[in-house]
Amino acid sequence: MHGELLTLKDLPTPPVRRWVYRWKTVVIALVRGGLITLDEISTRYSIRPEEFLQWEARLKAGGVLALRATRIQEYRSMSETQTEATQGSEEVSEQPETTPQTADIPEQAAEAASQVIEYRNITLNIESAQVASGGISVALTKQEFQILELLVRHVEQVVTREMILEHLYAGKTEPAQKIIDVCICKVRKKIAPLRRVRIDTVWGRGYMLNISE
Protein backbone atom coordinates (compact mmCIF):
# COMPACT_ATOMS: atom_id res chain seq x y z
CA MET A 1 0.00 0.00 0.00
CA HIS A 2 3.06 2.22 0.17
CA GLY A 3 2.82 5.10 -2.30
CA GLU A 4 -0.88 4.57 -3.02
CA LEU A 5 -3.27 7.51 -2.95
CA LEU A 6 -6.32 6.19 -1.13
CA THR A 7 -9.87 7.40 -1.74
CA LEU A 8 -13.30 6.35 -0.48
CA LYS A 9 -13.50 4.00 -3.49
CA ASP A 10 -10.83 1.86 -1.80
CA LEU A 11 -13.16 1.02 1.09
CA PRO A 12 -14.53 -2.53 1.08
CA THR A 13 -18.17 -3.03 0.13
CA PRO A 14 -20.33 -3.75 3.19
CA PRO A 15 -21.06 -6.11 4.73
CA VAL A 16 -17.51 -7.35 5.32
CA ARG A 17 -17.54 -10.98 6.47
CA ARG A 18 -13.83 -11.13 7.29
CA TRP A 19 -11.66 -8.13 8.08
CA VAL A 20 -8.29 -8.93 6.52
CA TYR A 21 -5.38 -6.71 7.55
CA ARG A 22 -5.43 -4.80 4.25
CA TRP A 23 -9.03 -3.62 4.76
CA LYS A 24 -8.21 -2.59 8.31
CA THR A 25 -5.23 -0.56 7.06
CA VAL A 26 -7.36 1.19 4.44
CA VAL A 27 -10.04 2.14 6.98
CA ILE A 28 -7.45 3.47 9.44
CA ALA A 29 -5.70 5.52 6.75
CA LEU A 30 -8.94 7.11 5.50
CA VAL A 31 -10.11 8.01 9.02
CA ARG A 32 -6.70 9.47 9.85
CA GLY A 33 -6.75 11.42 6.59
CA GLY A 34 -10.13 12.94 7.40
CA LEU A 35 -11.87 11.43 4.36
CA ILE A 36 -14.39 9.64 6.55
CA THR A 37 -15.28 9.86 10.23
CA LEU A 38 -15.12 7.12 12.81
CA ASP A 39 -18.87 7.50 13.31
CA GLU A 40 -19.50 6.91 9.60
CA ILE A 41 -17.25 3.83 9.61
CA SER A 42 -19.07 2.51 12.66
CA THR A 43 -22.45 2.94 10.97
CA ARG A 44 -21.41 1.59 7.58
CA TYR A 45 -19.73 -1.58 8.83
CA SER A 46 -21.29 -2.07 12.28
CA ILE A 47 -17.84 -1.74 13.82
CA ARG A 48 -17.68 -0.67 17.43
CA PRO A 49 -15.46 2.41 17.94
CA GLU A 50 -13.46 0.46 20.52
CA GLU A 51 -12.65 -2.16 17.88
CA PHE A 52 -11.34 0.51 15.49
CA LEU A 53 -9.13 1.93 18.24
CA GLN A 54 -7.74 -1.57 18.80
CA TRP A 55 -6.80 -1.80 15.13
CA GLU A 56 -5.17 1.61 15.25
CA ALA A 57 -3.20 0.77 18.40
CA ARG A 58 -1.97 -2.52 16.91
CA LEU A 59 -0.89 -0.82 13.68
CA LYS A 60 1.03 1.80 15.62
CA ALA A 61 2.69 -0.73 17.93
CA GLY A 62 3.55 -3.53 15.53
CA GLY A 63 2.92 -2.43 11.97
CA VAL A 64 0.62 -4.01 9.39
CA LEU A 65 1.34 -7.59 10.45
CA ALA A 66 0.05 -6.82 13.95
CA LEU A 67 -3.42 -6.45 12.41
CA ARG A 68 -3.47 -10.20 11.75
CA ALA A 69 -4.56 -10.94 15.33
CA THR A 70 -6.98 -13.78 15.89
CA ARG A 71 -10.61 -13.07 16.76
CA ILE A 72 -10.06 -14.39 20.33
CA GLN A 73 -7.14 -11.99 20.80
CA GLU A 74 -9.30 -9.14 19.53
CA TYR A 75 -12.11 -9.91 21.95
CA ARG A 76 -9.70 -10.14 24.89
CA SER A 77 -8.04 -6.85 24.00
CA MET A 78 -11.39 -5.11 23.43
CA SER A 79 -12.62 -6.31 26.83
CA GLU A 80 -9.51 -4.92 28.54
CA THR A 81 -9.92 -1.58 26.75
CA GLN A 82 -13.59 -1.31 27.77
CA THR A 83 -12.67 -2.02 31.41
CA GLU A 84 -9.98 0.65 31.40
CA ALA A 85 -12.32 3.15 29.72
CA THR A 86 -15.01 2.49 32.34
CA GLN A 87 -12.55 2.97 35.17
CA GLY A 88 -11.23 6.13 33.55
CA SER A 89 -14.71 7.61 33.13
CA GLU A 90 -15.41 7.13 36.84
CA GLU A 91 -12.33 9.17 37.70
CA VAL A 92 -13.35 12.16 35.56
CA SER A 93 -14.54 15.15 37.57
CA GLU A 94 -16.63 18.04 36.34
CA GLN A 95 -14.63 21.10 35.29
CA PRO A 96 -15.74 24.66 34.45
CA GLU A 97 -15.68 25.74 30.82
CA THR A 98 -12.61 27.73 29.80
CA THR A 99 -14.06 29.27 26.63
CA PRO A 100 -15.96 32.56 27.22
CA GLN A 101 -18.35 32.16 24.25
CA THR A 102 -21.55 30.55 25.48
CA ALA A 103 -25.10 30.29 24.22
CA ASP A 104 -27.82 32.60 25.46
CA ILE A 105 -29.10 30.22 28.15
CA PRO A 106 -31.75 31.51 30.59
CA GLU A 107 -30.26 33.03 33.72
CA GLN A 108 -31.65 30.45 36.15
CA ALA A 109 -30.11 27.64 34.07
CA ALA A 110 -26.74 29.31 33.65
CA GLU A 111 -26.06 29.68 37.34
CA ALA A 112 -23.33 27.28 38.47
CA ALA A 113 -25.30 26.30 41.55
CA SER A 114 -28.31 25.14 39.56
CA GLN A 115 -28.90 21.40 39.22
CA VAL A 116 -30.97 21.80 36.04
CA ILE A 117 -30.00 23.31 32.70
CA GLU A 118 -32.87 24.21 30.37
CA TYR A 119 -32.55 25.44 26.82
CA ARG A 120 -35.35 25.48 24.25
CA ASN A 121 -36.98 22.04 24.56
CA ILE A 122 -34.09 20.22 26.22
CA THR A 123 -33.51 19.76 29.96
CA LEU A 124 -30.31 18.48 31.57
CA ASN A 125 -30.40 17.26 35.16
CA ILE A 126 -26.86 17.57 36.52
CA GLU A 127 -27.52 15.54 39.66
CA SER A 128 -29.01 12.51 37.89
CA ALA A 129 -26.99 12.87 34.65
CA GLN A 130 -30.17 12.65 32.59
CA VAL A 131 -31.30 14.58 29.51
CA ALA A 132 -34.97 15.00 28.60
CA SER A 133 -36.85 16.35 25.60
CA GLY A 134 -40.41 15.92 24.35
CA GLY A 135 -41.37 13.77 27.33
CA ILE A 136 -38.50 11.33 26.76
CA SER A 137 -35.69 11.00 29.32
CA VAL A 138 -32.30 9.39 28.67
CA ALA A 139 -29.69 8.43 31.26
CA LEU A 140 -26.02 9.08 30.45
CA THR A 141 -22.75 8.20 32.10
CA LYS A 142 -20.96 10.99 33.93
CA GLN A 143 -18.50 11.50 31.10
CA GLU A 144 -21.19 11.43 28.40
CA PHE A 145 -23.27 13.93 30.36
CA GLN A 146 -20.31 16.32 30.69
CA ILE A 147 -19.78 16.24 26.93
CA LEU A 148 -23.45 16.91 26.20
CA GLU A 149 -23.54 19.68 28.81
CA LEU A 150 -20.61 21.40 27.10
CA LEU A 151 -22.34 21.11 23.71
CA VAL A 152 -25.57 22.57 25.15
CA ARG A 153 -23.69 25.51 26.64
CA HIS A 154 -22.23 26.15 23.17
CA VAL A 155 -25.32 25.20 21.17
CA GLU A 156 -25.05 25.93 17.42
CA GLN A 157 -21.35 26.71 17.92
CA VAL A 158 -18.41 24.52 16.97
CA VAL A 159 -16.96 22.66 19.94
CA THR A 160 -13.48 21.35 19.13
CA ARG A 161 -11.98 18.12 20.42
CA GLU A 162 -9.46 20.21 22.33
CA MET A 163 -12.30 22.00 24.14
CA ILE A 164 -13.88 18.69 25.11
CA LEU A 165 -10.56 17.29 26.35
CA GLU A 166 -9.97 20.41 28.40
CA HIS A 167 -13.49 20.22 29.83
CA LEU A 168 -13.07 16.58 30.87
CA TYR A 169 -9.42 16.36 31.80
CA ALA A 170 -8.26 19.88 32.74
CA GLY A 171 -5.16 19.54 34.90
CA LYS A 172 -4.88 15.80 34.24
CA THR A 173 -3.13 13.63 31.68
CA GLU A 174 -5.24 13.71 28.52
CA PRO A 175 -5.91 10.60 26.40
CA ALA A 176 -5.68 10.54 22.60
CA GLN A 177 -8.23 12.73 20.81
CA LYS A 178 -9.73 9.65 19.16
CA ILE A 179 -11.37 8.77 22.47
CA ILE A 180 -13.56 11.85 21.99
CA ASP A 181 -14.88 10.42 18.71
CA VAL A 182 -15.79 7.24 20.58
CA CYS A 183 -17.60 9.18 23.31
CA ILE A 184 -19.50 11.33 20.78
CA CYS A 185 -20.58 8.18 18.96
CA LYS A 186 -21.98 6.75 22.20
CA VAL A 187 -23.79 10.00 23.09
CA ARG A 188 -25.35 10.14 19.62
CA LYS A 189 -26.75 6.64 19.97
CA LYS A 190 -28.17 7.32 23.42
CA ILE A 191 -29.88 10.60 22.50
CA ALA A 192 -31.24 9.21 19.21
CA PRO A 193 -34.77 8.94 20.73
CA LEU A 194 -34.66 12.72 21.34
CA ARG A 195 -35.44 13.48 17.71
CA ARG A 196 -35.09 17.25 18.04
CA VAL A 197 -31.55 17.01 19.40
CA ARG A 198 -28.72 16.31 16.97
CA ILE A 199 -24.92 16.32 17.17
CA ASP A 200 -23.34 17.19 13.82
CA THR A 201 -19.72 16.66 12.80
CA VAL A 202 -18.03 19.82 11.49
CA TRP A 203 -15.30 18.55 9.19
CA GLY A 204 -11.79 19.33 10.39
CA ARG A 205 -13.05 21.35 13.36
CA GLY A 206 -15.18 19.40 15.83
CA TYR A 207 -18.85 19.00 16.71
CA MET A 208 -21.98 21.16 16.87
CA LEU A 209 -25.21 20.59 18.77
CA ASN A 210 -28.40 21.56 16.96
CA ILE A 211 -31.79 21.68 18.67
CA SER A 212 -34.88 22.08 16.50
CA GLU A 213 -37.95 23.92 17.76
C-alpha atoms as a PDB file:
ATOM      1  CA  MET A   1       0.000   0.000   0.000  1.00  0.00           C
ATOM      2  CA  HIS A   2       3.058   2.219   0.171  1.00  0.00           C
ATOM      3  CA  GLY A   3       2.819   5.096  -2.300  1.00  0.00           C
ATOM      4  CA  GLU A   4      -0.882   4.567  -3.023  1.00  0.00           C
ATOM      5  CA  LEU A   5      -3.273   7.510  -2.947  1.00  0.00           C
ATOM      6  CA  LEU A   6      -6.318   6.189  -1.132  1.00  0.00           C
ATOM      7  CA  THR A   7      -9.869   7.401  -1.738  1.00  0.00           C
ATOM      8  CA  LEU A   8     -13.299   6.354  -0.480  1.00  0.00           C
ATOM      9  CA  LYS A   9     -13.503   4.002  -3.488  1.00  0.00           C
ATOM     10  CA  ASP A  10     -10.831   1.862  -1.804  1.00  0.00           C
ATOM     11  CA  LEU A  11     -13.159   1.018   1.086  1.00  0.00           C
ATOM     12  CA  PRO A  12     -14.533  -2.530   1.078  1.00  0.00           C
ATOM     13  CA  THR A  13     -18.173  -3.035   0.126  1.00  0.00           C
ATOM     14  CA  PRO A  14     -20.329  -3.753   3.187  1.00  0.00           C
ATOM     15  CA  PRO A  15     -21.059  -6.107   4.728  1.00  0.00           C
ATOM     16  CA  VAL A  16     -17.507  -7.350   5.322  1.00  0.00           C
ATOM     17  CA  ARG A  17     -17.535 -10.977   6.469  1.00  0.00           C
ATOM     18  CA  ARG A  18     -13.835 -11.133   7.288  1.00  0.00           C
ATOM     19  CA  TRP A  19     -11.658  -8.134   8.079  1.00  0.00           C
ATOM     20  CA  VAL A  20      -8.286  -8.926   6.521  1.00  0.00           C
ATOM     21  CA  TYR A  21      -5.375  -6.714   7.547  1.00  0.00           C
ATOM     22  CA  ARG A  22      -5.430  -4.801   4.249  1.00  0.00           C
ATOM     23  CA  TRP A  23      -9.032  -3.620   4.762  1.00  0.00           C
ATOM     24  CA  LYS A  24      -8.208  -2.593   8.311  1.00  0.00           C
ATOM     25  CA  THR A  25      -5.232  -0.564   7.062  1.00  0.00           C
ATOM     26  CA  VAL A  26      -7.364   1.195   4.440  1.00  0.00           C
ATOM     27  CA  VAL A  27     -10.036   2.139   6.982  1.00  0.00           C
ATOM     28  CA  ILE A  28      -7.448   3.465   9.444  1.00  0.00           C
ATOM     29  CA  ALA A  29      -5.705   5.518   6.749  1.00  0.00           C
ATOM     30  CA  LEU A  30      -8.943   7.108   5.504  1.00  0.00           C
ATOM     31  CA  VAL A  31     -10.109   8.009   9.021  1.00  0.00           C
ATOM     32  CA  ARG A  32      -6.697   9.471   9.852  1.00  0.00           C
ATOM     33  CA  GLY A  33      -6.745  11.421   6.594  1.00  0.00           C
ATOM     34  CA  GLY A  34     -10.127  12.943   7.403  1.00  0.00           C
ATOM     35  CA  LEU A  35     -11.871  11.433   4.356  1.00  0.00           C
ATOM     36  CA  ILE A  36     -14.392   9.641   6.549  1.00  0.00           C
ATOM     37  CA  THR A  37     -15.283   9.859  10.231  1.00  0.00           C
ATOM     38  CA  LEU A  38     -15.124   7.122  12.809  1.00  0.00           C
ATOM     39  CA  ASP A  39     -18.867   7.505  13.313  1.00  0.00           C
ATOM     40  CA  GLU A  40     -19.503   6.908   9.598  1.00  0.00           C
ATOM     41  CA  ILE A  41     -17.252   3.831   9.606  1.00  0.00           C
ATOM     42  CA  SER A  42     -19.067   2.509  12.657  1.00  0.00           C
ATOM     43  CA  THR A  43     -22.450   2.943  10.971  1.00  0.00           C
ATOM     44  CA  ARG A  44     -21.407   1.588   7.582  1.00  0.00           C
ATOM     45  CA  TYR A  45     -19.731  -1.583   8.825  1.00  0.00           C
ATOM     46  CA  SER A  46     -21.292  -2.067  12.280  1.00  0.00           C
ATOM     47  CA  ILE A  47     -17.837  -1.743  13.821  1.00  0.00           C
ATOM     48  CA  ARG A  48     -17.677  -0.671  17.426  1.00  0.00           C
ATOM     49  CA  PRO A  49     -15.463   2.412  17.941  1.00  0.00           C
ATOM     50  CA  GLU A  50     -13.463   0.464  20.518  1.00  0.00           C
ATOM     51  CA  GLU A  51     -12.652  -2.161  17.879  1.00  0.00           C
ATOM     52  CA  PHE A  52     -11.337   0.509  15.488  1.00  0.00           C
ATOM     53  CA  LEU A  53      -9.127   1.928  18.242  1.00  0.00           C
ATOM     54  CA  GLN A  54      -7.736  -1.565  18.798  1.00  0.00           C
ATOM     55  CA  TRP A  55      -6.798  -1.802  15.131  1.00  0.00           C
ATOM     56  CA  GLU A  56      -5.168   1.612  15.252  1.00  0.00           C
ATOM     57  CA  ALA A  57      -3.203   0.766  18.397  1.00  0.00           C
ATOM     58  CA  ARG A  58      -1.967  -2.520  16.909  1.00  0.00           C
ATOM     59  CA  LEU A  59      -0.889  -0.823  13.680  1.00  0.00           C
ATOM     60  CA  LYS A  60       1.033   1.801  15.622  1.00  0.00           C
ATOM     61  CA  ALA A  61       2.686  -0.725  17.929  1.00  0.00           C
ATOM     62  CA  GLY A  62       3.550  -3.527  15.530  1.00  0.00           C
ATOM     63  CA  GLY A  63       2.922  -2.434  11.967  1.00  0.00           C
ATOM     64  CA  VAL A  64       0.621  -4.006   9.389  1.00  0.00           C
ATOM     65  CA  LEU A  65       1.344  -7.585  10.453  1.00  0.00           C
ATOM     66  CA  ALA A  66       0.052  -6.821  13.955  1.00  0.00           C
ATOM     67  CA  LEU A  67      -3.421  -6.451  12.413  1.00  0.00           C
ATOM     68  CA  ARG A  68      -3.475 -10.203  11.751  1.00  0.00           C
ATOM     69  CA  ALA A  69      -4.564 -10.937  15.326  1.00  0.00           C
ATOM     70  CA  THR A  70      -6.975 -13.780  15.892  1.00  0.00           C
ATOM     71  CA  ARG A  71     -10.607 -13.070  16.760  1.00  0.00           C
ATOM     72  CA  ILE A  72     -10.061 -14.392  20.327  1.00  0.00           C
ATOM     73  CA  GLN A  73      -7.136 -11.992  20.799  1.00  0.00           C
ATOM     74  CA  GLU A  74      -9.297  -9.137  19.529  1.00  0.00           C
ATOM     75  CA  TYR A  75     -12.114  -9.907  21.955  1.00  0.00           C
ATOM     76  CA  ARG A  76      -9.703 -10.136  24.893  1.00  0.00           C
ATOM     77  CA  SER A  77      -8.044  -6.852  24.002  1.00  0.00           C
ATOM     78  CA  MET A  78     -11.393  -5.107  23.432  1.00  0.00           C
ATOM     79  CA  SER A  79     -12.616  -6.315  26.831  1.00  0.00           C
ATOM     80  CA  GLU A  80      -9.507  -4.917  28.539  1.00  0.00           C
ATOM     81  CA  THR A  81      -9.917  -1.577  26.753  1.00  0.00           C
ATOM     82  CA  GLN A  82     -13.589  -1.314  27.767  1.00  0.00           C
ATOM     83  CA  THR A  83     -12.675  -2.023  31.412  1.00  0.00           C
ATOM     84  CA  GLU A  84      -9.976   0.651  31.395  1.00  0.00           C
ATOM     85  CA  ALA A  85     -12.318   3.154  29.723  1.00  0.00           C
ATOM     86  CA  THR A  86     -15.014   2.485  32.340  1.00  0.00           C
ATOM     87  CA  GLN A  87     -12.549   2.969  35.174  1.00  0.00           C
ATOM     88  CA  GLY A  88     -11.231   6.133  33.554  1.00  0.00           C
ATOM     89  CA  SER A  89     -14.712   7.613  33.126  1.00  0.00           C
ATOM     90  CA  GLU A  90     -15.410   7.128  36.835  1.00  0.00           C
ATOM     91  CA  GLU A  91     -12.335   9.173  37.702  1.00  0.00           C
ATOM     92  CA  VAL A  92     -13.353  12.155  35.561  1.00  0.00           C
ATOM     93  CA  SER A  93     -14.536  15.146  37.573  1.00  0.00           C
ATOM     94  CA  GLU A  94     -16.629  18.042  36.340  1.00  0.00           C
ATOM     95  CA  GLN A  95     -14.631  21.096  35.287  1.00  0.00           C
ATOM     96  CA  PRO A  96     -15.740  24.662  34.452  1.00  0.00           C
ATOM     97  CA  GLU A  97     -15.680  25.743  30.815  1.00  0.00           C
ATOM     98  CA  THR A  98     -12.610  27.734  29.795  1.00  0.00           C
ATOM     99  CA  THR A  99     -14.056  29.272  26.627  1.00  0.00           C
ATOM    100  CA  PRO A 100     -15.960  32.558  27.224  1.00  0.00           C
ATOM    101  CA  GLN A 101     -18.352  32.156  24.253  1.00  0.00           C
ATOM    102  CA  THR A 102     -21.553  30.553  25.479  1.00  0.00           C
ATOM    103  CA  ALA A 103     -25.098  30.295  24.216  1.00  0.00           C
ATOM    104  CA  ASP A 104     -27.817  32.600  25.459  1.00  0.00           C
ATOM    105  CA  ILE A 105     -29.101  30.224  28.153  1.00  0.00           C
ATOM    106  CA  PRO A 106     -31.754  31.510  30.588  1.00  0.00           C
ATOM    107  CA  GLU A 107     -30.264  33.032  33.723  1.00  0.00           C
ATOM    108  CA  GLN A 108     -31.648  30.450  36.149  1.00  0.00           C
ATOM    109  CA  ALA A 109     -30.111  27.642  34.068  1.00  0.00           C
ATOM    110  CA  ALA A 110     -26.744  29.312  33.646  1.00  0.00           C
ATOM    111  CA  GLU A 111     -26.061  29.680  37.343  1.00  0.00           C
ATOM    112  CA  ALA A 112     -23.335  27.275  38.474  1.00  0.00           C
ATOM    113  CA  ALA A 113     -25.301  26.301  41.554  1.00  0.00           C
ATOM    114  CA  SER A 114     -28.315  25.142  39.555  1.00  0.00           C
ATOM    115  CA  GLN A 115     -28.897  21.400  39.223  1.00  0.00           C
ATOM    116  CA  VAL A 116     -30.966  21.797  36.039  1.00  0.00           C
ATOM    117  CA  ILE A 117     -30.002  23.306  32.700  1.00  0.00           C
ATOM    118  CA  GLU A 118     -32.867  24.207  30.367  1.00  0.00           C
ATOM    119  CA  TYR A 119     -32.548  25.443  26.816  1.00  0.00           C
ATOM    120  CA  ARG A 120     -35.353  25.477  24.253  1.00  0.00           C
ATOM    121  CA  ASN A 121     -36.978  22.045  24.563  1.00  0.00           C
ATOM    122  CA  ILE A 122     -34.086  20.221  26.217  1.00  0.00           C
ATOM    123  CA  THR A 123     -33.509  19.756  29.956  1.00  0.00           C
ATOM    124  CA  LEU A 124     -30.313  18.480  31.573  1.00  0.00           C
ATOM    125  CA  ASN A 125     -30.399  17.261  35.158  1.00  0.00           C
ATOM    126  CA  ILE A 126     -26.859  17.573  36.524  1.00  0.00           C
ATOM    127  CA  GLU A 127     -27.522  15.544  39.660  1.00  0.00           C
ATOM    128  CA  SER A 128     -29.013  12.510  37.888  1.00  0.00           C
ATOM    129  CA  ALA A 129     -26.985  12.870  34.647  1.00  0.00           C
ATOM    130  CA  GLN A 130     -30.175  12.654  32.591  1.00  0.00           C
ATOM    131  CA  VAL A 131     -31.304  14.577  29.514  1.00  0.00           C
ATOM    132  CA  ALA A 132     -34.967  14.999  28.601  1.00  0.00           C
ATOM    133  CA  SER A 133     -36.848  16.353  25.602  1.00  0.00           C
ATOM    134  CA  GLY A 134     -40.409  15.918  24.349  1.00  0.00           C
ATOM    135  CA  GLY A 135     -41.365  13.772  27.328  1.00  0.00           C
ATOM    136  CA  ILE A 136     -38.496  11.327  26.759  1.00  0.00           C
ATOM    137  CA  SER A 137     -35.692  11.000  29.316  1.00  0.00           C
ATOM    138  CA  VAL A 138     -32.298   9.392  28.669  1.00  0.00           C
ATOM    139  CA  ALA A 139     -29.687   8.429  31.264  1.00  0.00           C
ATOM    140  CA  LEU A 140     -26.023   9.084  30.454  1.00  0.00           C
ATOM    141  CA  THR A 141     -22.749   8.197  32.103  1.00  0.00           C
ATOM    142  CA  LYS A 142     -20.964  10.994  33.933  1.00  0.00           C
ATOM    143  CA  GLN A 143     -18.500  11.505  31.096  1.00  0.00           C
ATOM    144  CA  GLU A 144     -21.194  11.426  28.401  1.00  0.00           C
ATOM    145  CA  PHE A 145     -23.267  13.932  30.359  1.00  0.00           C
ATOM    146  CA  GLN A 146     -20.310  16.318  30.693  1.00  0.00           C
ATOM    147  CA  ILE A 147     -19.780  16.244  26.933  1.00  0.00           C
ATOM    148  CA  LEU A 148     -23.453  16.913  26.203  1.00  0.00           C
ATOM    149  CA  GLU A 149     -23.540  19.676  28.812  1.00  0.00           C
ATOM    150  CA  LEU A 150     -20.606  21.400  27.096  1.00  0.00           C
ATOM    151  CA  LEU A 151     -22.343  21.109  23.714  1.00  0.00           C
ATOM    152  CA  VAL A 152     -25.571  22.569  25.155  1.00  0.00           C
ATOM    153  CA  ARG A 153     -23.686  25.514  26.638  1.00  0.00           C
ATOM    154  CA  HIS A 154     -22.231  26.150  23.169  1.00  0.00           C
ATOM    155  CA  VAL A 155     -25.322  25.199  21.169  1.00  0.00           C
ATOM    156  CA  GLU A 156     -25.053  25.931  17.422  1.00  0.00           C
ATOM    157  CA  GLN A 157     -21.353  26.713  17.923  1.00  0.00           C
ATOM    158  CA  VAL A 158     -18.414  24.520  16.972  1.00  0.00           C
ATOM    159  CA  VAL A 159     -16.958  22.659  19.938  1.00  0.00           C
ATOM    160  CA  THR A 160     -13.484  21.346  19.133  1.00  0.00           C
ATOM    161  CA  ARG A 161     -11.985  18.122  20.416  1.00  0.00           C
ATOM    162  CA  GLU A 162      -9.464  20.213  22.327  1.00  0.00           C
ATOM    163  CA  MET A 163     -12.301  22.001  24.144  1.00  0.00           C
ATOM    164  CA  ILE A 164     -13.876  18.685  25.108  1.00  0.00           C
ATOM    165  CA  LEU A 165     -10.563  17.286  26.355  1.00  0.00           C
ATOM    166  CA  GLU A 166      -9.972  20.414  28.401  1.00  0.00           C
ATOM    167  CA  HIS A 167     -13.494  20.217  29.828  1.00  0.00           C
ATOM    168  CA  LEU A 168     -13.073  16.582  30.867  1.00  0.00           C
ATOM    169  CA  TYR A 169      -9.415  16.359  31.804  1.00  0.00           C
ATOM    170  CA  ALA A 170      -8.259  19.876  32.737  1.00  0.00           C
ATOM    171  CA  GLY A 171      -5.158  19.544  34.902  1.00  0.00           C
ATOM    172  CA  LYS A 172      -4.877  15.795  34.237  1.00  0.00           C
ATOM    173  CA  THR A 173      -3.130  13.628  31.677  1.00  0.00           C
ATOM    174  CA  GLU A 174      -5.236  13.711  28.523  1.00  0.00           C
ATOM    175  CA  PRO A 175      -5.906  10.596  26.398  1.00  0.00           C
ATOM    176  CA  ALA A 176      -5.678  10.540  22.601  1.00  0.00           C
ATOM    177  CA  GLN A 177      -8.231  12.731  20.811  1.00  0.00           C
ATOM    178  CA  LYS A 178      -9.726   9.649  19.158  1.00  0.00           C
ATOM    179  CA  ILE A 179     -11.368   8.766  22.475  1.00  0.00           C
ATOM    180  CA  ILE A 180     -13.562  11.852  21.990  1.00  0.00           C
ATOM    181  CA  ASP A 181     -14.875  10.419  18.715  1.00  0.00           C
ATOM    182  CA  VAL A 182     -15.788   7.237  20.577  1.00  0.00           C
ATOM    183  CA  CYS A 183     -17.598   9.185  23.307  1.00  0.00           C
ATOM    184  CA  ILE A 184     -19.499  11.329  20.779  1.00  0.00           C
ATOM    185  CA  CYS A 185     -20.582   8.179  18.960  1.00  0.00           C
ATOM    186  CA  LYS A 186     -21.978   6.749  22.204  1.00  0.00           C
ATOM    187  CA  VAL A 187     -23.788   9.999  23.086  1.00  0.00           C
ATOM    188  CA  ARG A 188     -25.354  10.144  19.620  1.00  0.00           C
ATOM    189  CA  LYS A 189     -26.748   6.640  19.972  1.00  0.00           C
ATOM    190  CA  LYS A 190     -28.170   7.323  23.420  1.00  0.00           C
ATOM    191  CA  ILE A 191     -29.883  10.596  22.502  1.00  0.00           C
ATOM    192  CA  ALA A 192     -31.241   9.207  19.212  1.00  0.00           C
ATOM    193  CA  PRO A 193     -34.773   8.941  20.729  1.00  0.00           C
ATOM    194  CA  LEU A 194     -34.662  12.723  21.339  1.00  0.00           C
ATOM    195  CA  ARG A 195     -35.436  13.476  17.712  1.00  0.00           C
ATOM    196  CA  ARG A 196     -35.092  17.247  18.045  1.00  0.00           C
ATOM    197  CA  VAL A 197     -31.555  17.013  19.404  1.00  0.00           C
ATOM    198  CA  ARG A 198     -28.723  16.308  16.973  1.00  0.00           C
ATOM    199  CA  ILE A 199     -24.917  16.321  17.169  1.00  0.00           C
ATOM    200  CA  ASP A 200     -23.340  17.193  13.817  1.00  0.00           C
ATOM    201  CA  THR A 201     -19.724  16.664  12.796  1.00  0.00           C
ATOM    202  CA  VAL A 202     -18.026  19.815  11.486  1.00  0.00           C
ATOM    203  CA  TRP A 203     -15.295  18.551   9.192  1.00  0.00           C
ATOM    204  CA  GLY A 204     -11.788  19.334  10.393  1.00  0.00           C
ATOM    205  CA  ARG A 205     -13.049  21.351  13.359  1.00  0.00           C
ATOM    206  CA  GLY A 206     -15.179  19.398  15.832  1.00  0.00           C
ATOM    207  CA  TYR A 207     -18.846  18.996  16.705  1.00  0.00           C
ATOM    208  CA  MET A 208     -21.976  21.160  16.871  1.00  0.00           C
ATOM    209  CA  LEU A 209     -25.214  20.587  18.770  1.00  0.00           C
ATOM    210  CA  ASN A 210     -28.399  21.556  16.962  1.00  0.00           C
ATOM    211  CA  ILE A 211     -31.793  21.678  18.669  1.00  0.00           C
ATOM    212  CA  SER A 212     -34.882  22.084  16.504  1.00  0.00           C
ATOM    213  CA  GLU A 213     -37.951  23.923  17.756  1.00  0.00           C
END
